[in-house]
Amino acid sequence: ALGTSLNGKGEVSVGAIVSFVGFAMMLIGRME
């Protein structure tokens, strides 16, 4: 949600959002 909003403002690219989601998924896996 936040990535979509920031992309609409030109603050982050689609690739960066994908990387963040990948980091988040990895972090969630590690945290679990």
Full PDB file with SEQRES, HELIX, SHEET, SSBOND, CRYST1, ORIGX, SCALE, CONECT and MASTER records, all heavy atoms in Angstrom:
SEQRES   1 A   32  ALA LEU GLY THR SER LEU ASN GLY LYS GLY GLU VAL SER          
SEQRES   2 A   32  VAL GLY ALA ILE VAL SER PHE VAL GLY PHE ALA MET MET          
SEQRES   3 A   32  LEU ILE GLY ARG MET GLU                                      
HELIX    1 AA1 LEU A    2  GLY A    8  1                                   7    
HELIX    2 AA2 VAL A   14  MET A   31  1                                  18    
CRYST1    1.000    1.000    1.000  90.00  90.00  90.00 P 1           1          
ORIGX1      1.000000  0.000000  0.000000        0.00000                         
ORIGX2      0.000000  1.000000  0.000000        0.00000                         
ORIGX3      0.000000  0.000000  1.000000        0.00000                         
SCALE1      1.000000  0.000000  0.000000        0.00000                         
SCALE2      0.000000  1.000000  0.000000        0.00000                         
SCALE3      0.000000  0.000000  1.000000        0.00000                         
ATOM      1  N   ALA A   1       0.828  -1.210   0.000  1.00  0.00           N  
ATOM      2  CA  ALA A   1       0.000   0.000   0.000  1.00  0.00           C  
ATOM      3  C   ALA A   1       0.859   1.255   0.000  1.00  0.00           C  
ATOM      4  O   ALA A   1       0.644   2.181  -0.805  1.00  0.00           O  
ATOM      5  CB  ALA A   1      -0.927  -0.018   1.222  1.00  0.00           C  
ATOM      6  N   LEU A   2       1.852   1.298   0.909  1.00  0.00           N  
ATOM      7  CA  LEU A   2       2.714   2.477   0.974  1.00  0.00           C  
ATOM      8  C   LEU A   2       3.566   2.585  -0.283  1.00  0.00           C  
ATOM      9  O   LEU A   2       3.780   3.699  -0.813  1.00  0.00           O  
ATOM     10  CB  LEU A   2       3.600   2.406   2.218  1.00  0.00           C  
ATOM     11  CG  LEU A   2       4.544   3.588   2.437  1.00  0.00           C  
ATOM     12  CD1 LEU A   2       3.777   4.912   2.523  1.00  0.00           C  
ATOM     13  CD2 LEU A   2       5.392   3.380   3.702  1.00  0.00           C  
ATOM     14  N   GLY A   3       4.042   1.432  -0.787  1.00  0.00           N  
ATOM     15  CA  GLY A   3       4.854   1.461  -2.011  1.00  0.00           C  
ATOM     16  C   GLY A   3       4.065   1.991  -3.196  1.00  0.00           C  
ATOM     17  O   GLY A   3       4.590   2.759  -4.019  1.00  0.00           O  
ATOM     18  N   THR A   4       2.799   1.590  -3.306  1.00  0.00           N  
ATOM     19  CA  THR A   4       1.948   2.093  -4.393  1.00  0.00           C  
ATOM     20  C   THR A   4       1.794   3.600  -4.297  1.00  0.00           C  
ATOM     21  O   THR A   4       1.876   4.331  -5.305  1.00  0.00           O  
ATOM     22  CB  THR A   4       0.570   1.416  -4.333  1.00  0.00           C  
ATOM     23  OG1 THR A   4       0.733   0.002  -4.479  1.00  0.00           O  
ATOM     24  CG2 THR A   4      -0.326   1.938  -5.444  1.00  0.00           C  
ATOM     25  N   SER A   5       1.583   4.101  -3.077  1.00  0.00           N  
ATOM     26  CA  SER A   5       1.436   5.542  -2.875  1.00  0.00           C  
ATOM     27  C   SER A   5       2.718   6.280  -3.221  1.00  0.00           C  
ATOM     28  O   SER A   5       2.688   7.306  -3.915  1.00  0.00           O  
ATOM     29  CB  SER A   5       1.057   5.817  -1.419  1.00  0.00           C  
ATOM     30  OG  SER A   5       1.027   7.200  -1.151  1.00  0.00           O  
ATOM     31  N   LEU A   6       3.857   5.750  -2.783  1.00  0.00           N  
ATOM     32  CA  LEU A   6       5.139   6.413  -3.059  1.00  0.00           C  
ATOM     33  C   LEU A   6       5.490   6.343  -4.535  1.00  0.00           C  
ATOM     34  O   LEU A   6       6.087   7.287  -5.095  1.00  0.00           O  
ATOM     35  CB  LEU A   6       6.250   5.758  -2.224  1.00  0.00           C  
ATOM     36  CG  LEU A   6       6.132   5.932  -0.705  1.00  0.00           C  
ATOM     37  CD1 LEU A   6       7.251   5.157   0.009  1.00  0.00           C  
ATOM     38  CD2 LEU A   6       6.202   7.417  -0.321  1.00  0.00           C  
ATOM     39  N   ASN A   7       5.109   5.249  -5.216  1.00  0.00           N  
ATOM     40  CA  ASN A   7       5.377   5.130  -6.647  1.00  0.00           C  
ATOM     41  C   ASN A   7       4.572   6.167  -7.425  1.00  0.00           C  
ATOM     42  O   ASN A   7       5.046   6.738  -8.409  1.00  0.00           O  
ATOM     43  CB  ASN A   7       5.041   3.718  -7.125  1.00  0.00           C  
ATOM     44  CG  ASN A   7       5.262   3.527  -8.612  1.00  0.00           C  
ATOM     45  OD1 ASN A   7       4.298   3.536  -9.386  1.00  0.00           O  
ATOM     46  ND2 ASN A   7       6.521   3.378  -9.018  1.00  0.00           N  
ATOM     47  N   GLY A   8       3.334   6.395  -6.962  1.00  0.00           N  
ATOM     48  CA  GLY A   8       2.502   7.411  -7.615  1.00  0.00           C  
ATOM     49  C   GLY A   8       3.092   8.789  -7.480  1.00  0.00           C  
ATOM     50  O   GLY A   8       2.887   9.659  -8.342  1.00  0.00           O  
ATOM     51  N   LYS A   9       3.883   9.018  -6.425  1.00  0.00           N  
ATOM     52  CA  LYS A   9       4.526  10.324  -6.232  1.00  0.00           C  
ATOM     53  C   LYS A   9       5.923  10.363  -6.857  1.00  0.00           C  
ATOM     54  O   LYS A   9       6.614  11.367  -6.765  1.00  0.00           O  
ATOM     55  CB  LYS A   9       4.646  10.620  -4.741  1.00  0.00           C  
ATOM     56  CG  LYS A   9       3.297  10.720  -4.037  1.00  0.00           C  
ATOM     57  CD  LYS A   9       3.508  10.949  -2.526  1.00  0.00           C  
ATOM     58  CE  LYS A   9       2.161  11.006  -1.802  1.00  0.00           C  
ATOM     59  NZ  LYS A   9       2.351  11.175  -0.322  1.00  0.00           N  
ATOM     60  N   GLY A  10       6.336   9.243  -7.441  1.00  0.00           N  
ATOM     61  CA  GLY A  10       7.653   9.185  -8.079  1.00  0.00           C  
ATOM     62  C   GLY A  10       8.805   9.011  -7.112  1.00  0.00           C  
ATOM     63  O   GLY A  10       9.957   9.252  -7.474  1.00  0.00           O  
ATOM     64  N   GLU A  11       8.510   8.597  -5.867  1.00  0.00           N  
ATOM     65  CA  GLU A  11       9.573   8.472  -4.869  1.00  0.00           C  
ATOM     66  C   GLU A  11      10.252   7.104  -4.891  1.00  0.00           C  
ATOM     67  O   GLU A  11      11.330   6.932  -4.316  1.00  0.00           O  
ATOM     68  CB  GLU A  11       9.006   8.724  -3.462  1.00  0.00           C  
ATOM     69  CG  GLU A  11       8.501  10.140  -3.270  1.00  0.00           C  
ATOM     70  CD  GLU A  11       8.017  10.370  -1.840  1.00  0.00           C  
ATOM     71  OE1 GLU A  11       8.417   9.561  -0.941  1.00  0.00           O  
ATOM     72  OE2 GLU A  11       7.258  11.318  -1.609  1.00  0.00           O  
ATOM     73  N   VAL A  12       9.632   6.114  -5.536  1.00  0.00           N  
ATOM     74  CA  VAL A  12      10.215   4.773  -5.554  1.00  0.00           C  
ATOM     75  C   VAL A  12       9.797   4.071  -6.841  1.00  0.00           C  
ATOM     76  O   VAL A  12       8.687   4.282  -7.338  1.00  0.00           O  
ATOM     77  CB  VAL A  12       9.757   3.952  -4.320  1.00  0.00           C  
ATOM     78  CG1 VAL A  12       8.273   3.711  -4.338  1.00  0.00           C  
ATOM     79  CG2 VAL A  12      10.518   2.630  -4.202  1.00  0.00           C  
ATOM     80  N   SER A  13      10.709   3.264  -7.381  1.00  0.00           N  
ATOM     81  CA  SER A  13      10.410   2.547  -8.621  1.00  0.00           C  
ATOM     82  C   SER A  13       9.685   1.238  -8.315  1.00  0.00           C  
ATOM     83  O   SER A  13       9.658   0.769  -7.173  1.00  0.00           O  
ATOM     84  CB  SER A  13      11.705   2.240  -9.384  1.00  0.00           C  
ATOM     85  OG  SER A  13      12.489   1.284  -8.654  1.00  0.00           O  
ATOM     86  N   VAL A  14       9.118   0.637  -9.384  1.00  0.00           N  
ATOM     87  CA  VAL A  14       8.451  -0.657  -9.219  1.00  0.00           C  
ATOM     88  C   VAL A  14       9.455  -1.712  -8.761  1.00  0.00           C  
ATOM     89  O   VAL A  14       9.180  -2.549  -7.904  1.00  0.00           O  
ATOM     90  CB  VAL A  14       7.767  -1.074 -10.534  1.00  0.00           C  
ATOM     91  CG1 VAL A  14       7.200  -2.488 -10.404  1.00  0.00           C  
ATOM     92  CG2 VAL A  14       6.675  -0.087 -10.919  1.00  0.00           C  
ATOM     93  N   GLY A  15      10.676  -1.661  -9.348  1.00  0.00           N  
ATOM     94  CA  GLY A  15      11.711  -2.621  -8.960  1.00  0.00           C  
ATOM     95  C   GLY A  15      12.073  -2.507  -7.485  1.00  0.00           C  
ATOM     96  O   GLY A  15      12.314  -3.517  -6.809  1.00  0.00           O  
ATOM     97  N   ALA A  16      12.130  -1.280  -6.991  1.00  0.00           N  
ATOM     98  CA  ALA A  16      12.451  -1.078  -5.574  1.00  0.00           C  
ATOM     99  C   ALA A  16      11.346  -1.657  -4.687  1.00  0.00           C  
ATOM    100  O   ALA A  16      11.627  -2.237  -3.634  1.00  0.00           O  
ATOM    101  CB  ALA A  16      12.638   0.403  -5.290  1.00  0.00           C  
ATOM    102  N   ILE A  17      10.086  -1.473  -5.123  1.00  0.00           N  
ATOM    103  CA  ILE A  17       8.979  -2.055  -4.351  1.00  0.00           C  
ATOM    104  C   ILE A  17       9.102  -3.571  -4.330  1.00  0.00           C  
ATOM    105  O   ILE A  17       8.939  -4.220  -3.284  1.00  0.00           O  
ATOM    106  CB  ILE A  17       7.624  -1.636  -4.952  1.00  0.00           C  
ATOM    107  CG1 ILE A  17       7.426  -0.115  -4.826  1.00  0.00           C  
ATOM    108  CG2 ILE A  17       6.476  -2.371  -4.257  1.00  0.00           C  
ATOM    109  CD1 ILE A  17       6.168   0.395  -5.509  1.00  0.00           C  
ATOM    110  N   VAL A  18       9.427  -4.147  -5.504  1.00  0.00           N  
ATOM    111  CA  VAL A  18       9.595  -5.605  -5.579  1.00  0.00           C  
ATOM    112  C   VAL A  18      10.734  -6.058  -4.655  1.00  0.00           C  
ATOM    113  O   VAL A  18      10.624  -7.059  -3.942  1.00  0.00           O  
ATOM    114  CB  VAL A  18       9.863  -6.037  -7.027  1.00  0.00           C  
ATOM    115  CG1 VAL A  18      10.270  -7.503  -7.097  1.00  0.00           C  
ATOM    116  CG2 VAL A  18       8.632  -5.793  -7.895  1.00  0.00           C  
ATOM    117  N   SER A  19      11.849  -5.304  -4.677  1.00  0.00           N  
ATOM    118  CA  SER A  19      12.981  -5.658  -3.804  1.00  0.00           C  
ATOM    119  C   SER A  19      12.574  -5.575  -2.338  1.00  0.00           C  
ATOM    120  O   SER A  19      12.940  -6.428  -1.519  1.00  0.00           O  
ATOM    121  CB  SER A  19      14.173  -4.736  -4.066  1.00  0.00           C  
ATOM    122  OG  SER A  19      14.689  -4.940  -5.364  1.00  0.00           O  
ATOM    123  N   PHE A  20      11.819  -4.518  -1.988  1.00  0.00           N  
ATOM    124  CA  PHE A  20      11.375  -4.362  -0.606  1.00  0.00           C  
ATOM    125  C   PHE A  20      10.481  -5.516  -0.180  1.00  0.00           C  
ATOM    126  O   PHE A  20      10.595  -6.043   0.926  1.00  0.00           O  
ATOM    127  CB  PHE A  20      10.629  -3.033  -0.430  1.00  0.00           C  
ATOM    128  CG  PHE A  20      11.419  -2.042   0.363  1.00  0.00           C  
ATOM    129  CD1 PHE A  20      12.045  -0.984  -0.264  1.00  0.00           C  
ATOM    130  CD2 PHE A  20      11.538  -2.181   1.740  1.00  0.00           C  
ATOM    131  CE1 PHE A  20      12.780  -0.067   0.464  1.00  0.00           C  
ATOM    132  CE2 PHE A  20      12.262  -1.263   2.473  1.00  0.00           C  
ATOM    133  CZ  PHE A  20      12.898  -0.200   1.841  1.00  0.00           C  
ATOM    134  N   VAL A  21       9.580  -5.891  -1.090  1.00  0.00           N  
ATOM    135  CA  VAL A  21       8.706  -7.017  -0.756  1.00  0.00           C  
ATOM    136  C   VAL A  21       9.542  -8.279  -0.575  1.00  0.00           C  
ATOM    137  O   VAL A  21       9.312  -9.082   0.339  1.00  0.00           O  
ATOM    138  CB  VAL A  21       7.635  -7.216  -1.851  1.00  0.00           C  
ATOM    139  CG1 VAL A  21       6.858  -8.509  -1.599  1.00  0.00           C  
ATOM    140  CG2 VAL A  21       6.675  -6.024  -1.877  1.00  0.00           C  
ATOM    141  N   GLY A  22      10.566  -8.449  -1.452  1.00  0.00           N  
ATOM    142  CA  GLY A  22      11.453  -9.609  -1.309  1.00  0.00           C  
ATOM    143  C   GLY A  22      12.193  -9.573   0.014  1.00  0.00           C  
ATOM    144  O   GLY A  22      12.300 -10.592   0.718  1.00  0.00           O  
ATOM    145  N   PHE A  23      12.702  -8.365   0.381  1.00  0.00           N  
ATOM    146  CA  PHE A  23      13.373  -8.232   1.674  1.00  0.00           C  
ATOM    147  C   PHE A  23      12.412  -8.543   2.822  1.00  0.00           C  
ATOM    148  O   PHE A  23      12.766  -9.206   3.799  1.00  0.00           O  
ATOM    149  CB  PHE A  23      13.919  -6.803   1.838  1.00  0.00           C  
ATOM    150  CG  PHE A  23      15.188  -6.549   1.089  1.00  0.00           C  
ATOM    151  CD1 PHE A  23      15.428  -5.320   0.499  1.00  0.00           C  
ATOM    152  CD2 PHE A  23      16.142  -7.545   0.969  1.00  0.00           C  
ATOM    153  CE1 PHE A  23      16.601  -5.082  -0.193  1.00  0.00           C  
ATOM    154  CE2 PHE A  23      17.323  -7.310   0.266  1.00  0.00           C  
ATOM    155  CZ  PHE A  23      17.554  -6.077  -0.315  1.00  0.00           C  
ATOM    156  N   ALA A  24      11.196  -8.014   2.702  1.00  0.00           N  
ATOM    157  CA  ALA A  24      10.215  -8.223   3.764  1.00  0.00           C  
ATOM    158  C   ALA A  24       9.875  -9.701   3.911  1.00  0.00           C  
ATOM    159  O   ALA A  24       9.773 -10.231   5.032  1.00  0.00           O  
ATOM    160  CB  ALA A  24       8.955  -7.413   3.473  1.00  0.00           C  
ATOM    161  N   MET A  25       9.695 -10.378   2.764  1.00  0.00           N  
ATOM    162  CA  MET A  25       9.382 -11.803   2.812  1.00  0.00           C  
ATOM    163  C   MET A  25      10.541 -12.593   3.439  1.00  0.00           C  
ATOM    164  O   MET A  25      10.340 -13.513   4.232  1.00  0.00           O  
ATOM    165  CB  MET A  25       9.104 -12.326   1.403  1.00  0.00           C  
ATOM    166  CG  MET A  25       7.840 -11.746   0.763  1.00  0.00           C  
ATOM    167  SD  MET A  25       6.323 -12.210   1.636  1.00  0.00           S  
ATOM    168  CE  MET A  25       6.250 -13.956   1.248  1.00  0.00           C  
ATOM    169  N   MET A  26      11.772 -12.193   3.053  1.00  0.00           N  
ATOM    170  CA  MET A  26      12.929 -12.854   3.633  1.00  0.00           C  
ATOM    171  C   MET A  26      13.011 -12.573   5.131  1.00  0.00           C  
ATOM    172  O   MET A  26      13.282 -13.462   5.951  1.00  0.00           O  
ATOM    173  CB  MET A  26      14.214 -12.383   2.946  1.00  0.00           C  
ATOM    174  CG  MET A  26      15.473 -13.069   3.480  1.00  0.00           C  
ATOM    175  SD  MET A  26      16.979 -12.473   2.688  1.00  0.00           S  
ATOM    176  CE  MET A  26      16.725 -13.089   1.034  1.00  0.00           C  
ATOM    177  N   LEU A  27      12.780 -11.307   5.494  1.00  0.00           N  
ATOM    178  CA  LEU A  27      12.836 -10.944   6.905  1.00  0.00           C  
ATOM    179  C   LEU A  27      11.766 -11.686   7.691  1.00  0.00           C  
ATOM    180  O   LEU A  27      12.020 -12.174   8.806  1.00  0.00           O  
ATOM    181  CB  LEU A  27      12.654  -9.429   7.056  1.00  0.00           C  
ATOM    182  CG  LEU A  27      12.688  -8.919   8.509  1.00  0.00           C  
ATOM    183  CD1 LEU A  27      14.050  -9.184   9.135  1.00  0.00           C  
ATOM    184  CD2 LEU A  27      12.357  -7.428   8.564  1.00  0.00           C  
ATOM    185  N   ILE A  28      10.576 -11.793   7.126  1.00  0.00           N  
ATOM    186  CA  ILE A  28       9.503 -12.522   7.808  1.00  0.00           C  
ATOM    187  C   ILE A  28       9.895 -13.985   8.003  1.00  0.00           C  
ATOM    188  O   ILE A  28       9.714 -14.565   9.078  1.00  0.00           O  
ATOM    189  CB  ILE A  28       8.186 -12.406   7.007  1.00  0.00           C  
ATOM    190  CG1 ILE A  28       7.641 -10.974   7.117  1.00  0.00           C  
ATOM    191  CG2 ILE A  28       7.156 -13.416   7.511  1.00  0.00           C  
ATOM    192  CD1 ILE A  28       6.474 -10.699   6.185  1.00  0.00           C  
ATOM    193  N   GLY A  29      10.475 -14.579   6.943  1.00  0.00           N  
ATOM    194  CA  GLY A  29      10.927 -15.964   7.067  1.00  0.00           C  
ATOM    195  C   GLY A  29      11.973 -16.114   8.160  1.00  0.00           C  
ATOM    196  O   GLY A  29      11.921 -17.039   8.978  1.00  0.00           O  
ATOM    197  N   ARG A  30      12.929 -15.177   8.203  1.00  0.00           N  
ATOM    198  CA  ARG A  30      13.973 -15.230   9.224  1.00  0.00           C  
ATOM    199  C   ARG A  30      13.403 -14.980  10.622  1.00  0.00           C  
ATOM    200  O   ARG A  30      13.810 -15.612  11.592  1.00  0.00           O  
ATOM    201  CB  ARG A  30      15.061 -14.200   8.916  1.00  0.00           C  
ATOM    202  CG  ARG A  30      15.868 -14.501   7.672  1.00  0.00           C  
ATOM    203  CD  ARG A  30      16.592 -15.821   7.797  1.00  0.00           C  
ATOM    204  NE  ARG A  30      17.413 -16.111   6.625  1.00  0.00           N  
ATOM    205  CZ  ARG A  30      18.075 -17.236   6.468  1.00  0.00           C  
ATOM    206  NH1 ARG A  30      17.994 -18.190   7.383  1.00  0.00           N  
ATOM    207  NH2 ARG A  30      18.795 -17.437   5.373  1.00  0.00           N  
ATOM    208  N   MET A  31      12.481 -14.039  10.699  1.00  0.00           N  
ATOM    209  CA  MET A  31      11.890 -13.745  12.001  1.00  0.00           C  
ATOM    210  C   MET A  31      11.071 -14.938  12.499  1.00  0.00           C  
ATOM    211  O   MET A  31      11.042 -15.235  13.701  1.00  0.00           O  
ATOM    212  CB  MET A  31      11.009 -12.493  11.918  1.00  0.00           C  
ATOM    213  CG  MET A  31      11.792 -11.198  11.695  1.00  0.00           C  
ATOM    214  SD  MET A  31      13.001 -10.864  12.996  1.00  0.00           S  
ATOM    215  CE  MET A  31      11.923 -10.578  14.398  1.00  0.00           C  
ATOM    216  N   GLU A  32      10.385 -15.609  11.580  1.00  0.00           N  
ATOM    217  CA  GLU A  32       9.640 -16.807  11.987  1.00  0.00           C  
ATOM    218  C   GLU A  32      10.593 -17.911  12.427  1.00  0.00           C  
ATOM    219  O   GLU A  32      10.324 -18.632  13.390  1.00  0.00           O  
ATOM    220  CB  GLU A  32       8.750 -17.276  10.834  1.00  0.00           C  
ATOM    221  CG  GLU A  32       7.543 -16.363  10.596  1.00  0.00           C  
ATOM    222  CD  GLU A  32       6.668 -16.862   9.460  1.00  0.00           C  
ATOM    223  OE1 GLU A  32       7.125 -17.730   8.689  1.00  0.00           O  
ATOM    224  OE2 GLU A  32       5.526 -16.358   9.336  1.00  0.00           O  
TER     225      GLU A  32                                                      
MASTER        0    0    0    2    0    0    0    6  224    1    0    3          
END                                                                             
